[in-house]
Structure formats: structure tokens, C-alpha cells
Amino acid sequence: TQELGNYLGNAQDKDAVDKVMGDLDANNDGEVDFTEFIILVGALTV
């Protein structure tokens, strides 16, 4: 919401956040680590 709102649109949408979390959380631990975060930033940059 705070850092990528202009690029992601409605980051307030719970389903959208759940989808991003599911897509990023490669090891399914319910959290996003730095590597998973960089994958998000890289994909958005592409």
C-alpha cells in the first residue's frame, strides 16, 4: 500500500494481497523473505 500503491492499484483488497502473498511465498511458510520480496520487485520492474 505505502510503497507500491501507484503500480499495484488496489493493494487494500484482501484477495489481491492474499494472491500476492501466495505467489511470492515460495516455501509456503506464510511469510515473505527478502529473496521473495526481490522477486516481486524484479517482476514489477520487468
ModelCIF file with pLDDT and N, C-alpha, C, O atoms, coordinates in Angstrom:
data_MODEL
#
_entry.id   MODEL 
#
_entity.id                         1 
_entity.type                       polymer 
_entity.pdbx_number_of_molecules   1 
#
_entity_poly.entity_id                      1 
_entity_poly.type                           'polypeptide(L)' 
_entity_poly.nstd_linkage                   no 
_entity_poly.nstd_monomer                   no 
_entity_poly.pdbx_seq_one_letter_code       TQELGNYLGNAQDKDAVDKVMGDLDANNDGEVDFTEFIILVGALTV 
_entity_poly.pdbx_seq_one_letter_code_can   TQELGNYLGNAQDKDAVDKVMGDLDANNDGEVDFTEFIILVGALTV 
_entity_poly.pdbx_strand_id                 A 
#
loop_
_entity_poly_seq.entity_id 
_entity_poly_seq.num 
_entity_poly_seq.mon_id 
_entity_poly_seq.hetero 
1 1  THR n 
1 2  GLN n 
1 3  GLU n 
1 4  LEU n 
1 5  GLY n 
1 6  ASN n 
1 7  TYR n 
1 8  LEU n 
1 9  GLY n 
1 10 ASN n 
1 11 ALA n 
1 12 GLN n 
1 13 ASP n 
1 14 LYS n 
1 15 ASP n 
1 16 ALA n 
1 17 VAL n 
1 18 ASP n 
1 19 LYS n 
1 20 VAL n 
1 21 MET n 
1 22 GLY n 
1 23 ASP n 
1 24 LEU n 
1 25 ASP n 
1 26 ALA n 
1 27 ASN n 
1 28 ASN n 
1 29 ASP n 
1 30 GLY n 
1 31 GLU n 
1 32 VAL n 
1 33 ASP n 
1 34 PHE n 
1 35 THR n 
1 36 GLU n 
1 37 PHE n 
1 38 ILE n 
1 39 ILE n 
1 40 LEU n 
1 41 VAL n 
1 42 GLY n 
1 43 ALA n 
1 44 LEU n 
1 45 THR n 
1 46 VAL n 
#
_struct_asym.id          A 
_struct_asym.entity_id   1 
#
loop_
_ma_qa_metric.id 
_ma_qa_metric.mode 
_ma_qa_metric.name 
_ma_qa_metric.software_group_id 
_ma_qa_metric.type 
1 global pLDDT . pLDDT 
2 local  pLDDT . pLDDT 
#
_ma_qa_metric_global.metric_id      1 
_ma_qa_metric_global.metric_value   79.80 
_ma_qa_metric_global.model_id       1 
_ma_qa_metric_global.ordinal_id     1 
#
loop_
_ma_qa_metric_local.label_asym_id 
_ma_qa_metric_local.label_comp_id 
_ma_qa_metric_local.label_seq_id 
_ma_qa_metric_local.metric_id 
_ma_qa_metric_local.metric_value 
_ma_qa_metric_local.model_id 
_ma_qa_metric_local.ordinal_id 
A THR 1  2 85.00 1 1  
A GLN 2  2 90.00 1 2  
A GLU 3  2 89.00 1 3  
A LEU 4  2 82.00 1 4  
A GLY 5  2 79.00 1 5  
A ASN 6  2 77.00 1 6  
A TYR 7  2 73.00 1 7  
A LEU 8  2 70.00 1 8  
A GLY 9  2 67.00 1 9  
A ASN 10 2 56.00 1 10 
A ALA 11 2 51.00 1 11 
A GLN 12 2 57.00 1 12 
A ASP 13 2 63.00 1 13 
A LYS 14 2 64.00 1 14 
A ASP 15 2 72.00 1 15 
A ALA 16 2 69.00 1 16 
A VAL 17 2 71.00 1 17 
A ASP 18 2 75.00 1 18 
A LYS 19 2 77.00 1 19 
A VAL 20 2 76.00 1 20 
A MET 21 2 76.00 1 21 
A GLY 22 2 80.00 1 22 
A ASP 23 2 80.00 1 23 
A LEU 24 2 80.00 1 24 
A ASP 25 2 80.00 1 25 
A ALA 26 2 79.00 1 26 
A ASN 27 2 81.00 1 27 
A ASN 28 2 82.00 1 28 
A ASP 29 2 85.00 1 29 
A GLY 30 2 84.00 1 30 
A GLU 31 2 90.00 1 31 
A VAL 32 2 90.00 1 32 
A ASP 33 2 92.00 1 33 
A PHE 34 2 95.00 1 34 
A THR 35 2 92.00 1 35 
A GLU 36 2 89.00 1 36 
A PHE 37 2 91.00 1 37 
A ILE 38 2 93.00 1 38 
A ILE 39 2 89.00 1 39 
A LEU 40 2 85.00 1 40 
A VAL 41 2 88.00 1 41 
A GLY 42 2 88.00 1 42 
A ALA 43 2 84.00 1 43 
A LEU 44 2 83.00 1 44 
A THR 45 2 86.00 1 45 
A VAL 46 2 86.00 1 46 
#
loop_
_atom_site.group_PDB 
_atom_site.id 
_atom_site.type_symbol 
_atom_site.label_atom_id 
_atom_site.label_alt_id 
_atom_site.label_comp_id 
_atom_site.label_asym_id 
_atom_site.label_entity_id 
_atom_site.label_seq_id 
_atom_site.pdbx_PDB_ins_code 
_atom_site.Cartn_x 
_atom_site.Cartn_y 
_atom_site.Cartn_z 
_atom_site.occupancy 
_atom_site.B_iso_or_equiv 
_atom_site.pdbx_formal_charge 
_atom_site.auth_seq_id 
_atom_site.auth_comp_id 
_atom_site.auth_asym_id 
_atom_site.auth_atom_id 
_atom_site.pdbx_PDB_model_num 
ATOM 1   N N  . THR A 1 1  ? 0.817  -1.212  0.000   1.00 85.00 ? 1  THR A N  1 
ATOM 2   C CA . THR A 1 1  ? 0.000  0.000   0.000   1.00 85.00 ? 1  THR A CA 1 
ATOM 3   C C  . THR A 1 1  ? 0.850  1.261   0.000   1.00 85.00 ? 1  THR A C  1 
ATOM 4   O O  . THR A 1 1  ? 0.614  2.181   -0.783  1.00 85.00 ? 1  THR A O  1 
ATOM 5   N N  . GLN A 1 2  ? 1.837  1.296   0.879   1.00 90.00 ? 2  GLN A N  1 
ATOM 6   C CA . GLN A 1 2  ? 2.642  2.504   1.056   1.00 90.00 ? 2  GLN A CA 1 
ATOM 7   C C  . GLN A 1 2  ? 3.696  2.698   -0.032  1.00 90.00 ? 2  GLN A C  1 
ATOM 8   O O  . GLN A 1 2  ? 3.959  3.827   -0.448  1.00 90.00 ? 2  GLN A O  1 
ATOM 9   N N  . GLU A 1 3  ? 4.292  1.616   -0.489  1.00 89.00 ? 3  GLU A N  1 
ATOM 10  C CA . GLU A 1 3  ? 5.446  1.722   -1.379  1.00 89.00 ? 3  GLU A CA 1 
ATOM 11  C C  . GLU A 1 3  ? 5.144  1.433   -2.846  1.00 89.00 ? 3  GLU A C  1 
ATOM 12  O O  . GLU A 1 3  ? 5.842  1.935   -3.727  1.00 89.00 ? 3  GLU A O  1 
ATOM 13  N N  . LEU A 1 4  ? 4.112  0.628   -3.122  1.00 82.00 ? 4  LEU A N  1 
ATOM 14  C CA . LEU A 1 4  ? 3.843  0.219   -4.495  1.00 82.00 ? 4  LEU A CA 1 
ATOM 15  C C  . LEU A 1 4  ? 2.411  0.489   -4.931  1.00 82.00 ? 4  LEU A C  1 
ATOM 16  O O  . LEU A 1 4  ? 1.951  -0.062  -5.931  1.00 82.00 ? 4  LEU A O  1 
ATOM 17  N N  . GLY A 1 5  ? 1.713  1.323   -4.195  1.00 79.00 ? 5  GLY A N  1 
ATOM 18  C CA . GLY A 1 5  ? 0.310  1.603   -4.493  1.00 79.00 ? 5  GLY A CA 1 
ATOM 19  C C  . GLY A 1 5  ? 0.076  2.138   -5.890  1.00 79.00 ? 5  GLY A C  1 
ATOM 20  O O  . GLY A 1 5  ? -0.935 1.811   -6.512  1.00 79.00 ? 5  GLY A O  1 
ATOM 21  N N  . ASN A 1 6  ? 0.988  2.954   -6.397  1.00 77.00 ? 6  ASN A N  1 
ATOM 22  C CA . ASN A 1 6  ? 0.817  3.520   -7.740  1.00 77.00 ? 6  ASN A CA 1 
ATOM 23  C C  . ASN A 1 6  ? 0.931  2.454   -8.827  1.00 77.00 ? 6  ASN A C  1 
ATOM 24  O O  . ASN A 1 6  ? 0.302  2.577   -9.878  1.00 77.00 ? 6  ASN A O  1 
ATOM 25  N N  . TYR A 1 7  ? 1.717  1.420   -8.591  1.00 73.00 ? 7  TYR A N  1 
ATOM 26  C CA . TYR A 1 7  ? 1.916  0.367   -9.585  1.00 73.00 ? 7  TYR A CA 1 
ATOM 27  C C  . TYR A 1 7  ? 0.938  -0.781  -9.426  1.00 73.00 ? 7  TYR A C  1 
ATOM 28  O O  . TYR A 1 7  ? 0.547  -1.405  -10.413 1.00 73.00 ? 7  TYR A O  1 
ATOM 29  N N  . LEU A 1 8  ? 0.541  -1.067  -8.197  1.00 70.00 ? 8  LEU A N  1 
ATOM 30  C CA . LEU A 1 8  ? -0.309 -2.233  -7.959  1.00 70.00 ? 8  LEU A CA 1 
ATOM 31  C C  . LEU A 1 8  ? -1.789 -1.908  -7.876  1.00 70.00 ? 8  LEU A C  1 
ATOM 32  O O  . LEU A 1 8  ? -2.614 -2.822  -7.847  1.00 70.00 ? 8  LEU A O  1 
ATOM 33  N N  . GLY A 1 9  ? -2.143 -0.655  -7.838  1.00 67.00 ? 9  GLY A N  1 
ATOM 34  C CA . GLY A 1 9  ? -3.550 -0.306  -7.745  1.00 67.00 ? 9  GLY A CA 1 
ATOM 35  C C  . GLY A 1 9  ? -4.093 -0.548  -6.361  1.00 67.00 ? 9  GLY A C  1 
ATOM 36  O O  . GLY A 1 9  ? -3.559 -0.032  -5.380  1.00 67.00 ? 9  GLY A O  1 
ATOM 37  N N  . ASN A 1 10 ? -5.149 -1.328  -6.272  1.00 56.00 ? 10 ASN A N  1 
ATOM 38  C CA . ASN A 1 10 ? -5.859 -1.501  -5.009  1.00 56.00 ? 10 ASN A CA 1 
ATOM 39  C C  . ASN A 1 10 ? -5.199 -2.559  -4.130  1.00 56.00 ? 10 ASN A C  1 
ATOM 40  O O  . ASN A 1 10 ? -5.655 -3.701  -4.070  1.00 56.00 ? 10 ASN A O  1 
ATOM 41  N N  . ALA A 1 11 ? -4.130 -2.172  -3.453  1.00 51.00 ? 11 ALA A N  1 
ATOM 42  C CA . ALA A 1 11 ? -3.453 -3.102  -2.548  1.00 51.00 ? 11 ALA A CA 1 
ATOM 43  C C  . ALA A 1 11 ? -4.249 -3.289  -1.253  1.00 51.00 ? 11 ALA A C  1 
ATOM 44  O O  . ALA A 1 11 ? -3.901 -4.133  -0.427  1.00 51.00 ? 11 ALA A O  1 
ATOM 45  N N  . GLN A 1 12 ? -5.309 -2.508  -1.077  1.00 57.00 ? 12 GLN A N  1 
ATOM 46  C CA . GLN A 1 12 ? -6.159 -2.666  0.105   1.00 57.00 ? 12 GLN A CA 1 
ATOM 47  C C  . GLN A 1 12 ? -7.032 -3.916  -0.020  1.00 57.00 ? 12 GLN A C  1 
ATOM 48  O O  . GLN A 1 12 ? -7.512 -4.438  0.986   1.00 57.00 ? 12 GLN A O  1 
ATOM 49  N N  . ASP A 1 13 ? -7.240 -4.394  -1.236  1.00 63.00 ? 13 ASP A N  1 
ATOM 50  C CA . ASP A 1 13 ? -8.084 -5.555  -1.496  1.00 63.00 ? 13 ASP A CA 1 
ATOM 51  C C  . ASP A 1 13 ? -7.457 -6.805  -0.871  1.00 63.00 ? 13 ASP A C  1 
ATOM 52  O O  . ASP A 1 13 ? -6.359 -7.213  -1.249  1.00 63.00 ? 13 ASP A O  1 
ATOM 53  N N  . LYS A 1 14 ? -8.168 -7.407  0.088   1.00 64.00 ? 14 LYS A N  1 
ATOM 54  C CA . LYS A 1 14 ? -7.639 -8.571  0.806   1.00 64.00 ? 14 LYS A CA 1 
ATOM 55  C C  . LYS A 1 14 ? -7.317 -9.717  -0.148  1.00 64.00 ? 14 LYS A C  1 
ATOM 56  O O  . LYS A 1 14 ? -6.286 -10.373 0.003   1.00 64.00 ? 14 LYS A O  1 
ATOM 57  N N  . ASP A 1 15 ? -8.179 -9.966  -1.122  1.00 72.00 ? 15 ASP A N  1 
ATOM 58  C CA . ASP A 1 15 ? -7.926 -11.054 -2.073  1.00 72.00 ? 15 ASP A CA 1 
ATOM 59  C C  . ASP A 1 15 ? -6.666 -10.787 -2.885  1.00 72.00 ? 15 ASP A C  1 
ATOM 60  O O  . ASP A 1 15 ? -5.902 -11.708 -3.173  1.00 72.00 ? 15 ASP A O  1 
ATOM 61  N N  . ALA A 1 16 ? -6.445 -9.512  -3.259  1.00 69.00 ? 16 ALA A N  1 
ATOM 62  C CA . ALA A 1 16 ? -5.239 -9.169  -4.017  1.00 69.00 ? 16 ALA A CA 1 
ATOM 63  C C  . ALA A 1 16 ? -3.996 -9.401  -3.173  1.00 69.00 ? 16 ALA A C  1 
ATOM 64  O O  . ALA A 1 16 ? -3.001 -9.931  -3.669  1.00 69.00 ? 16 ALA A O  1 
ATOM 65  N N  . VAL A 1 17 ? -4.040 -9.009  -1.902  1.00 71.00 ? 17 VAL A N  1 
ATOM 66  C CA . VAL A 1 17 ? -2.896 -9.220  -1.007  1.00 71.00 ? 17 VAL A CA 1 
ATOM 67  C C  . VAL A 1 17 ? -2.668 -10.716 -0.803  1.00 71.00 ? 17 VAL A C  1 
ATOM 68  O O  . VAL A 1 17 ? -1.524 -11.172 -0.800  1.00 71.00 ? 17 VAL A O  1 
ATOM 69  N N  . ASP A 1 18 ? -3.747 -11.484 -0.631  1.00 75.00 ? 18 ASP A N  1 
ATOM 70  C CA . ASP A 1 18 ? -3.619 -12.932 -0.477  1.00 75.00 ? 18 ASP A CA 1 
ATOM 71  C C  . ASP A 1 18 ? -2.982 -13.562 -1.713  1.00 75.00 ? 18 ASP A C  1 
ATOM 72  O O  . ASP A 1 18 ? -2.156 -14.468 -1.596  1.00 75.00 ? 18 ASP A O  1 
ATOM 73  N N  . LYS A 1 19 ? -3.368 -13.080 -2.900  1.00 77.00 ? 19 LYS A N  1 
ATOM 74  C CA . LYS A 1 19 ? -2.798 -13.622 -4.140  1.00 77.00 ? 19 LYS A CA 1 
ATOM 75  C C  . LYS A 1 19 ? -1.318 -13.299 -4.237  1.00 77.00 ? 19 LYS A C  1 
ATOM 76  O O  . LYS A 1 19 ? -0.514 -14.170 -4.570  1.00 77.00 ? 19 LYS A O  1 
ATOM 77  N N  . VAL A 1 20 ? -0.946 -12.049 -3.949  1.00 76.00 ? 20 VAL A N  1 
ATOM 78  C CA . VAL A 1 20 ? 0.473  -11.674 -3.989  1.00 76.00 ? 20 VAL A CA 1 
ATOM 79  C C  . VAL A 1 20 ? 1.254  -12.516 -2.986  1.00 76.00 ? 20 VAL A C  1 
ATOM 80  O O  . VAL A 1 20 ? 2.330  -13.024 -3.301  1.00 76.00 ? 20 VAL A O  1 
ATOM 81  N N  . MET A 1 21 ? 0.712  -12.664 -1.777  1.00 76.00 ? 21 MET A N  1 
ATOM 82  C CA . MET A 1 21 ? 1.388  -13.458 -0.748  1.00 76.00 ? 21 MET A CA 1 
ATOM 83  C C  . MET A 1 21 ? 1.550  -14.899 -1.228  1.00 76.00 ? 21 MET A C  1 
ATOM 84  O O  . MET A 1 21 ? 2.630  -15.475 -1.099  1.00 76.00 ? 21 MET A O  1 
ATOM 85  N N  . GLY A 1 22 ? 0.499  -15.479 -1.777  1.00 80.00 ? 22 GLY A N  1 
ATOM 86  C CA . GLY A 1 22 ? 0.564  -16.854 -2.268  1.00 80.00 ? 22 GLY A CA 1 
ATOM 87  C C  . GLY A 1 22 ? 1.566  -17.021 -3.395  1.00 80.00 ? 22 GLY A C  1 
ATOM 88  O O  . GLY A 1 22 ? 2.298  -18.009 -3.446  1.00 80.00 ? 22 GLY A O  1 
ATOM 89  N N  . ASP A 1 23 ? 1.596  -16.044 -4.301  1.00 80.00 ? 23 ASP A N  1 
ATOM 90  C CA . ASP A 1 23 ? 2.528  -16.108 -5.425  1.00 80.00 ? 23 ASP A CA 1 
ATOM 91  C C  . ASP A 1 23 ? 3.978  -15.957 -4.974  1.00 80.00 ? 23 ASP A C  1 
ATOM 92  O O  . ASP A 1 23 ? 4.872  -16.602 -5.521  1.00 80.00 ? 23 ASP A O  1 
ATOM 93  N N  . LEU A 1 24 ? 4.210  -15.107 -3.977  1.00 80.00 ? 24 LEU A N  1 
ATOM 94  C CA . LEU A 1 24 ? 5.578  -14.828 -3.529  1.00 80.00 ? 24 LEU A CA 1 
ATOM 95  C C  . LEU A 1 24 ? 6.116  -15.851 -2.550  1.00 80.00 ? 24 LEU A C  1 
ATOM 96  O O  . LEU A 1 24 ? 7.310  -16.152 -2.554  1.00 80.00 ? 24 LEU A O  1 
ATOM 97  N N  . ASP A 1 25 ? 5.249  -16.385 -1.716  1.00 80.00 ? 25 ASP A N  1 
ATOM 98  C CA . ASP A 1 25 ? 5.669  -17.260 -0.618  1.00 80.00 ? 25 ASP A CA 1 
ATOM 99  C C  . ASP A 1 25 ? 6.043  -18.640 -1.159  1.00 80.00 ? 25 ASP A C  1 
ATOM 100 O O  . ASP A 1 25 ? 5.302  -19.609 -0.996  1.00 80.00 ? 25 ASP A O  1 
ATOM 101 N N  . ALA A 1 26 ? 7.202  -18.708 -1.803  1.00 79.00 ? 26 ALA A N  1 
ATOM 102 C CA . ALA A 1 26 ? 7.635  -19.930 -2.487  1.00 79.00 ? 26 ALA A CA 1 
ATOM 103 C C  . ALA A 1 26 ? 7.765  -21.116 -1.548  1.00 79.00 ? 26 ALA A C  1 
ATOM 104 O O  . ALA A 1 26 ? 7.485  -22.245 -1.951  1.00 79.00 ? 26 ALA A O  1 
ATOM 105 N N  . ASN A 1 27 ? 8.178  -20.895 -0.315  1.00 81.00 ? 27 ASN A N  1 
ATOM 106 C CA . ASN A 1 27 ? 8.365  -22.005 0.621   1.00 81.00 ? 27 ASN A CA 1 
ATOM 107 C C  . ASN A 1 27 ? 7.141  -22.240 1.520   1.00 81.00 ? 27 ASN A C  1 
ATOM 108 O O  . ASN A 1 27 ? 7.196  -23.049 2.446   1.00 81.00 ? 27 ASN A O  1 
ATOM 109 N N  . ASN A 1 28 ? 6.048  -21.536 1.245   1.00 82.00 ? 28 ASN A N  1 
ATOM 110 C CA . ASN A 1 28 ? 4.771  -21.730 1.942   1.00 82.00 ? 28 ASN A CA 1 
ATOM 111 C C  . ASN A 1 28 ? 4.869  -21.628 3.460   1.00 82.00 ? 28 ASN A C  1 
ATOM 112 O O  . ASN A 1 28 ? 4.242  -22.409 4.176   1.00 82.00 ? 28 ASN A O  1 
ATOM 113 N N  . ASP A 1 29 ? 5.650  -20.672 3.953   1.00 85.00 ? 29 ASP A N  1 
ATOM 114 C CA . ASP A 1 29 ? 5.757  -20.503 5.407   1.00 85.00 ? 29 ASP A CA 1 
ATOM 115 C C  . ASP A 1 29 ? 4.873  -19.369 5.923   1.00 85.00 ? 29 ASP A C  1 
ATOM 116 O O  . ASP A 1 29 ? 4.916  -19.033 7.106   1.00 85.00 ? 29 ASP A O  1 
ATOM 117 N N  . GLY A 1 30 ? 4.065  -18.776 5.025   1.00 84.00 ? 30 GLY A N  1 
ATOM 118 C CA . GLY A 1 30 ? 3.149  -17.715 5.438   1.00 84.00 ? 30 GLY A CA 1 
ATOM 119 C C  . GLY A 1 30 ? 3.819  -16.360 5.585   1.00 84.00 ? 30 GLY A C  1 
ATOM 120 O O  . GLY A 1 30 ? 3.202  -15.408 6.062   1.00 84.00 ? 30 GLY A O  1 
ATOM 121 N N  . GLU A 1 31 ? 5.070  -16.269 5.182   1.00 90.00 ? 31 GLU A N  1 
ATOM 122 C CA . GLU A 1 31 ? 5.811  -15.012 5.251   1.00 90.00 ? 31 GLU A CA 1 
ATOM 123 C C  . GLU A 1 31 ? 6.621  -14.833 3.981   1.00 90.00 ? 31 GLU A C  1 
ATOM 124 O O  . GLU A 1 31 ? 6.899  -15.796 3.266   1.00 90.00 ? 31 GLU A O  1 
ATOM 125 N N  . VAL A 1 32 ? 6.998  -13.587 3.707   1.00 90.00 ? 32 VAL A N  1 
ATOM 126 C CA . VAL A 1 32 ? 7.801  -13.274 2.532   1.00 90.00 ? 32 VAL A CA 1 
ATOM 127 C C  . VAL A 1 32 ? 9.191  -12.871 3.007   1.00 90.00 ? 32 VAL A C  1 
ATOM 128 O O  . VAL A 1 32 ? 9.344  -11.902 3.751   1.00 90.00 ? 32 VAL A O  1 
ATOM 129 N N  . ASP A 1 33 ? 10.205 -13.621 2.574   1.00 92.00 ? 33 ASP A N  1 
ATOM 130 C CA . ASP A 1 33 ? 11.566 -13.263 2.954   1.00 92.00 ? 33 ASP A CA 1 
ATOM 131 C C  . ASP A 1 33 ? 12.159 -12.291 1.926   1.00 92.00 ? 33 ASP A C  1 
ATOM 132 O O  . ASP A 1 33 ? 11.496 -11.932 0.953   1.00 92.00 ? 33 ASP A O  1 
ATOM 133 N N  . PHE A 1 34 ? 13.382 -11.877 2.142   1.00 95.00 ? 34 PHE A N  1 
ATOM 134 C CA . PHE A 1 34 ? 13.986 -10.857 1.281   1.00 95.00 ? 34 PHE A CA 1 
ATOM 135 C C  . PHE A 1 34 ? 14.096 -11.338 -0.166  1.00 95.00 ? 34 PHE A C  1 
ATOM 136 O O  . PHE A 1 34 ? 13.848 -10.569 -1.094  1.00 95.00 ? 34 PHE A O  1 
ATOM 137 N N  . THR A 1 35 ? 14.463 -12.599 -0.360  1.00 92.00 ? 35 THR A N  1 
ATOM 138 C CA . THR A 1 35 ? 14.575 -13.131 -1.728  1.00 92.00 ? 35 THR A CA 1 
ATOM 139 C C  . THR A 1 35 ? 13.225 -13.086 -2.429  1.00 92.00 ? 35 THR A C  1 
ATOM 140 O O  . THR A 1 35 ? 13.136 -12.685 -3.590  1.00 92.00 ? 35 THR A O  1 
ATOM 141 N N  . GLU A 1 36 ? 12.179 -13.495 -1.728  1.00 89.00 ? 36 GLU A N  1 
ATOM 142 C CA . GLU A 1 36 ? 10.836 -13.469 -2.310  1.00 89.00 ? 36 GLU A CA 1 
ATOM 143 C C  . GLU A 1 36 ? 10.403 -12.034 -2.604  1.00 89.00 ? 36 GLU A C  1 
ATOM 144 O O  . GLU A 1 36 ? 9.737  -11.785 -3.609  1.00 89.00 ? 36 GLU A O  1 
ATOM 145 N N  . PHE A 1 37 ? 10.772 -11.092 -1.743  1.00 91.00 ? 37 PHE A N  1 
ATOM 146 C CA . PHE A 1 37 ? 10.485 -9.673  -1.954  1.00 91.00 ? 37 PHE A CA 1 
ATOM 147 C C  . PHE A 1 37 ? 11.179 -9.163  -3.215  1.00 91.00 ? 37 PHE A C  1 
ATOM 148 O O  . PHE A 1 37 ? 10.576 -8.436  -4.004  1.00 91.00 ? 37 PHE A O  1 
ATOM 149 N N  . ILE A 1 38 ? 12.441 -9.541  -3.408  1.00 93.00 ? 38 ILE A N  1 
ATOM 150 C CA . ILE A 1 38 ? 13.196 -9.094  -4.584  1.00 93.00 ? 38 ILE A CA 1 
ATOM 151 C C  . ILE A 1 38 ? 12.583 -9.657  -5.861  1.00 93.00 ? 38 ILE A C  1 
ATOM 152 O O  . ILE A 1 38 ? 12.610 -8.997  -6.900  1.00 93.00 ? 38 ILE A O  1 
ATOM 153 N N  . ILE A 1 39 ? 12.033 -10.861 -5.799  1.00 89.00 ? 39 ILE A N  1 
ATOM 154 C CA . ILE A 1 39 ? 11.339 -11.432 -6.956  1.00 89.00 ? 39 ILE A CA 1 
ATOM 155 C C  . ILE A 1 39 ? 10.146 -10.559 -7.336  1.00 89.00 ? 39 ILE A C  1 
ATOM 156 O O  . ILE A 1 39 ? 9.911  -10.319 -8.521  1.00 89.00 ? 39 ILE A O  1 
ATOM 157 N N  . LEU A 1 40 ? 9.389  -10.080 -6.345  1.00 85.00 ? 40 LEU A N  1 
ATOM 158 C CA . LEU A 1 40 ? 8.268  -9.168  -6.600  1.00 85.00 ? 40 LEU A CA 1 
ATOM 159 C C  . LEU A 1 40 ? 8.753  -7.881  -7.263  1.00 85.00 ? 40 LEU A C  1 
ATOM 160 O O  . LEU A 1 40 ? 8.205  -7.456  -8.280  1.00 85.00 ? 40 LEU A O  1 
ATOM 161 N N  . VAL A 1 41 ? 9.771  -7.271  -6.689  1.00 88.00 ? 41 VAL A N  1 
ATOM 162 C CA . VAL A 1 41 ? 10.283 -6.011  -7.233  1.00 88.00 ? 41 VAL A CA 1 
ATOM 163 C C  . VAL A 1 41 ? 10.809 -6.232  -8.654  1.00 88.00 ? 41 VAL A C  1 
ATOM 164 O O  . VAL A 1 41 ? 10.578 -5.409  -9.540  1.00 88.00 ? 41 VAL A O  1 
ATOM 165 N N  . GLY A 1 42 ? 11.510 -7.339  -8.867  1.00 88.00 ? 42 GLY A N  1 
ATOM 166 C CA . GLY A 1 42 ? 12.027 -7.646  -10.193 1.00 88.00 ? 42 GLY A CA 1 
ATOM 167 C C  . GLY A 1 42 ? 10.915 -7.844  -11.209 1.00 88.00 ? 42 GLY A C  1 
ATOM 168 O O  . GLY A 1 42 ? 10.989 -7.322  -12.321 1.00 88.00 ? 42 GLY A O  1 
ATOM 169 N N  . ALA A 1 43 ? 9.885  -8.597  -10.836 1.00 84.00 ? 43 ALA A N  1 
ATOM 170 C CA . ALA A 1 43 ? 8.763  -8.846  -11.744 1.00 84.00 ? 43 ALA A CA 1 
ATOM 171 C C  . ALA A 1 43 ? 8.030  -7.549  -12.080 1.00 84.00 ? 43 ALA A C  1 
ATOM 172 O O  . ALA A 1 43 ? 7.649  -7.329  -13.230 1.00 84.00 ? 43 ALA A O  1 
ATOM 173 N N  . LEU A 1 44 ? 7.835  -6.701  -11.089 1.00 83.00 ? 44 LEU A N  1 
ATOM 174 C CA . LEU A 1 44 ? 7.182  -5.410  -11.350 1.00 83.00 ? 44 LEU A CA 1 
ATOM 175 C C  . LEU A 1 44 ? 8.041  -4.533  -12.252 1.00 83.00 ? 44 LEU A C  1 
ATOM 176 O O  . LEU A 1 44 ? 7.520  -3.833  -13.120 1.00 83.00 ? 44 LEU A O  1 
ATOM 177 N N  . THR A 1 45 ? 9.343  -4.572  -12.049 1.00 86.00 ? 45 THR A N  1 
ATOM 178 C CA . THR A 1 45 ? 10.251 -3.774  -12.865 1.00 86.00 ? 45 THR A CA 1 
ATOM 179 C C  . THR A 1 45 ? 10.218 -4.249  -14.318 1.00 86.00 ? 45 THR A C  1 
ATOM 180 O O  . THR A 1 45 ? 10.217 -3.429  -15.236 1.00 86.00 ? 45 THR A O  1 
ATOM 181 N N  . VAL A 1 46 ? 10.191 -5.561  -14.531 1.00 86.00 ? 46 VAL A N  1 
ATOM 182 C CA . VAL A 1 46 ? 10.085 -6.109  -15.882 1.00 86.00 ? 46 VAL A CA 1 
ATOM 183 C C  . VAL A 1 46 ? 8.771  -5.668  -16.524 1.00 86.00 ? 46 VAL A C  1 
ATOM 184 O O  . VAL A 1 46 ? 8.492  -6.027  -17.669 1.00 86.00 ? 46 VAL A O  1 
#
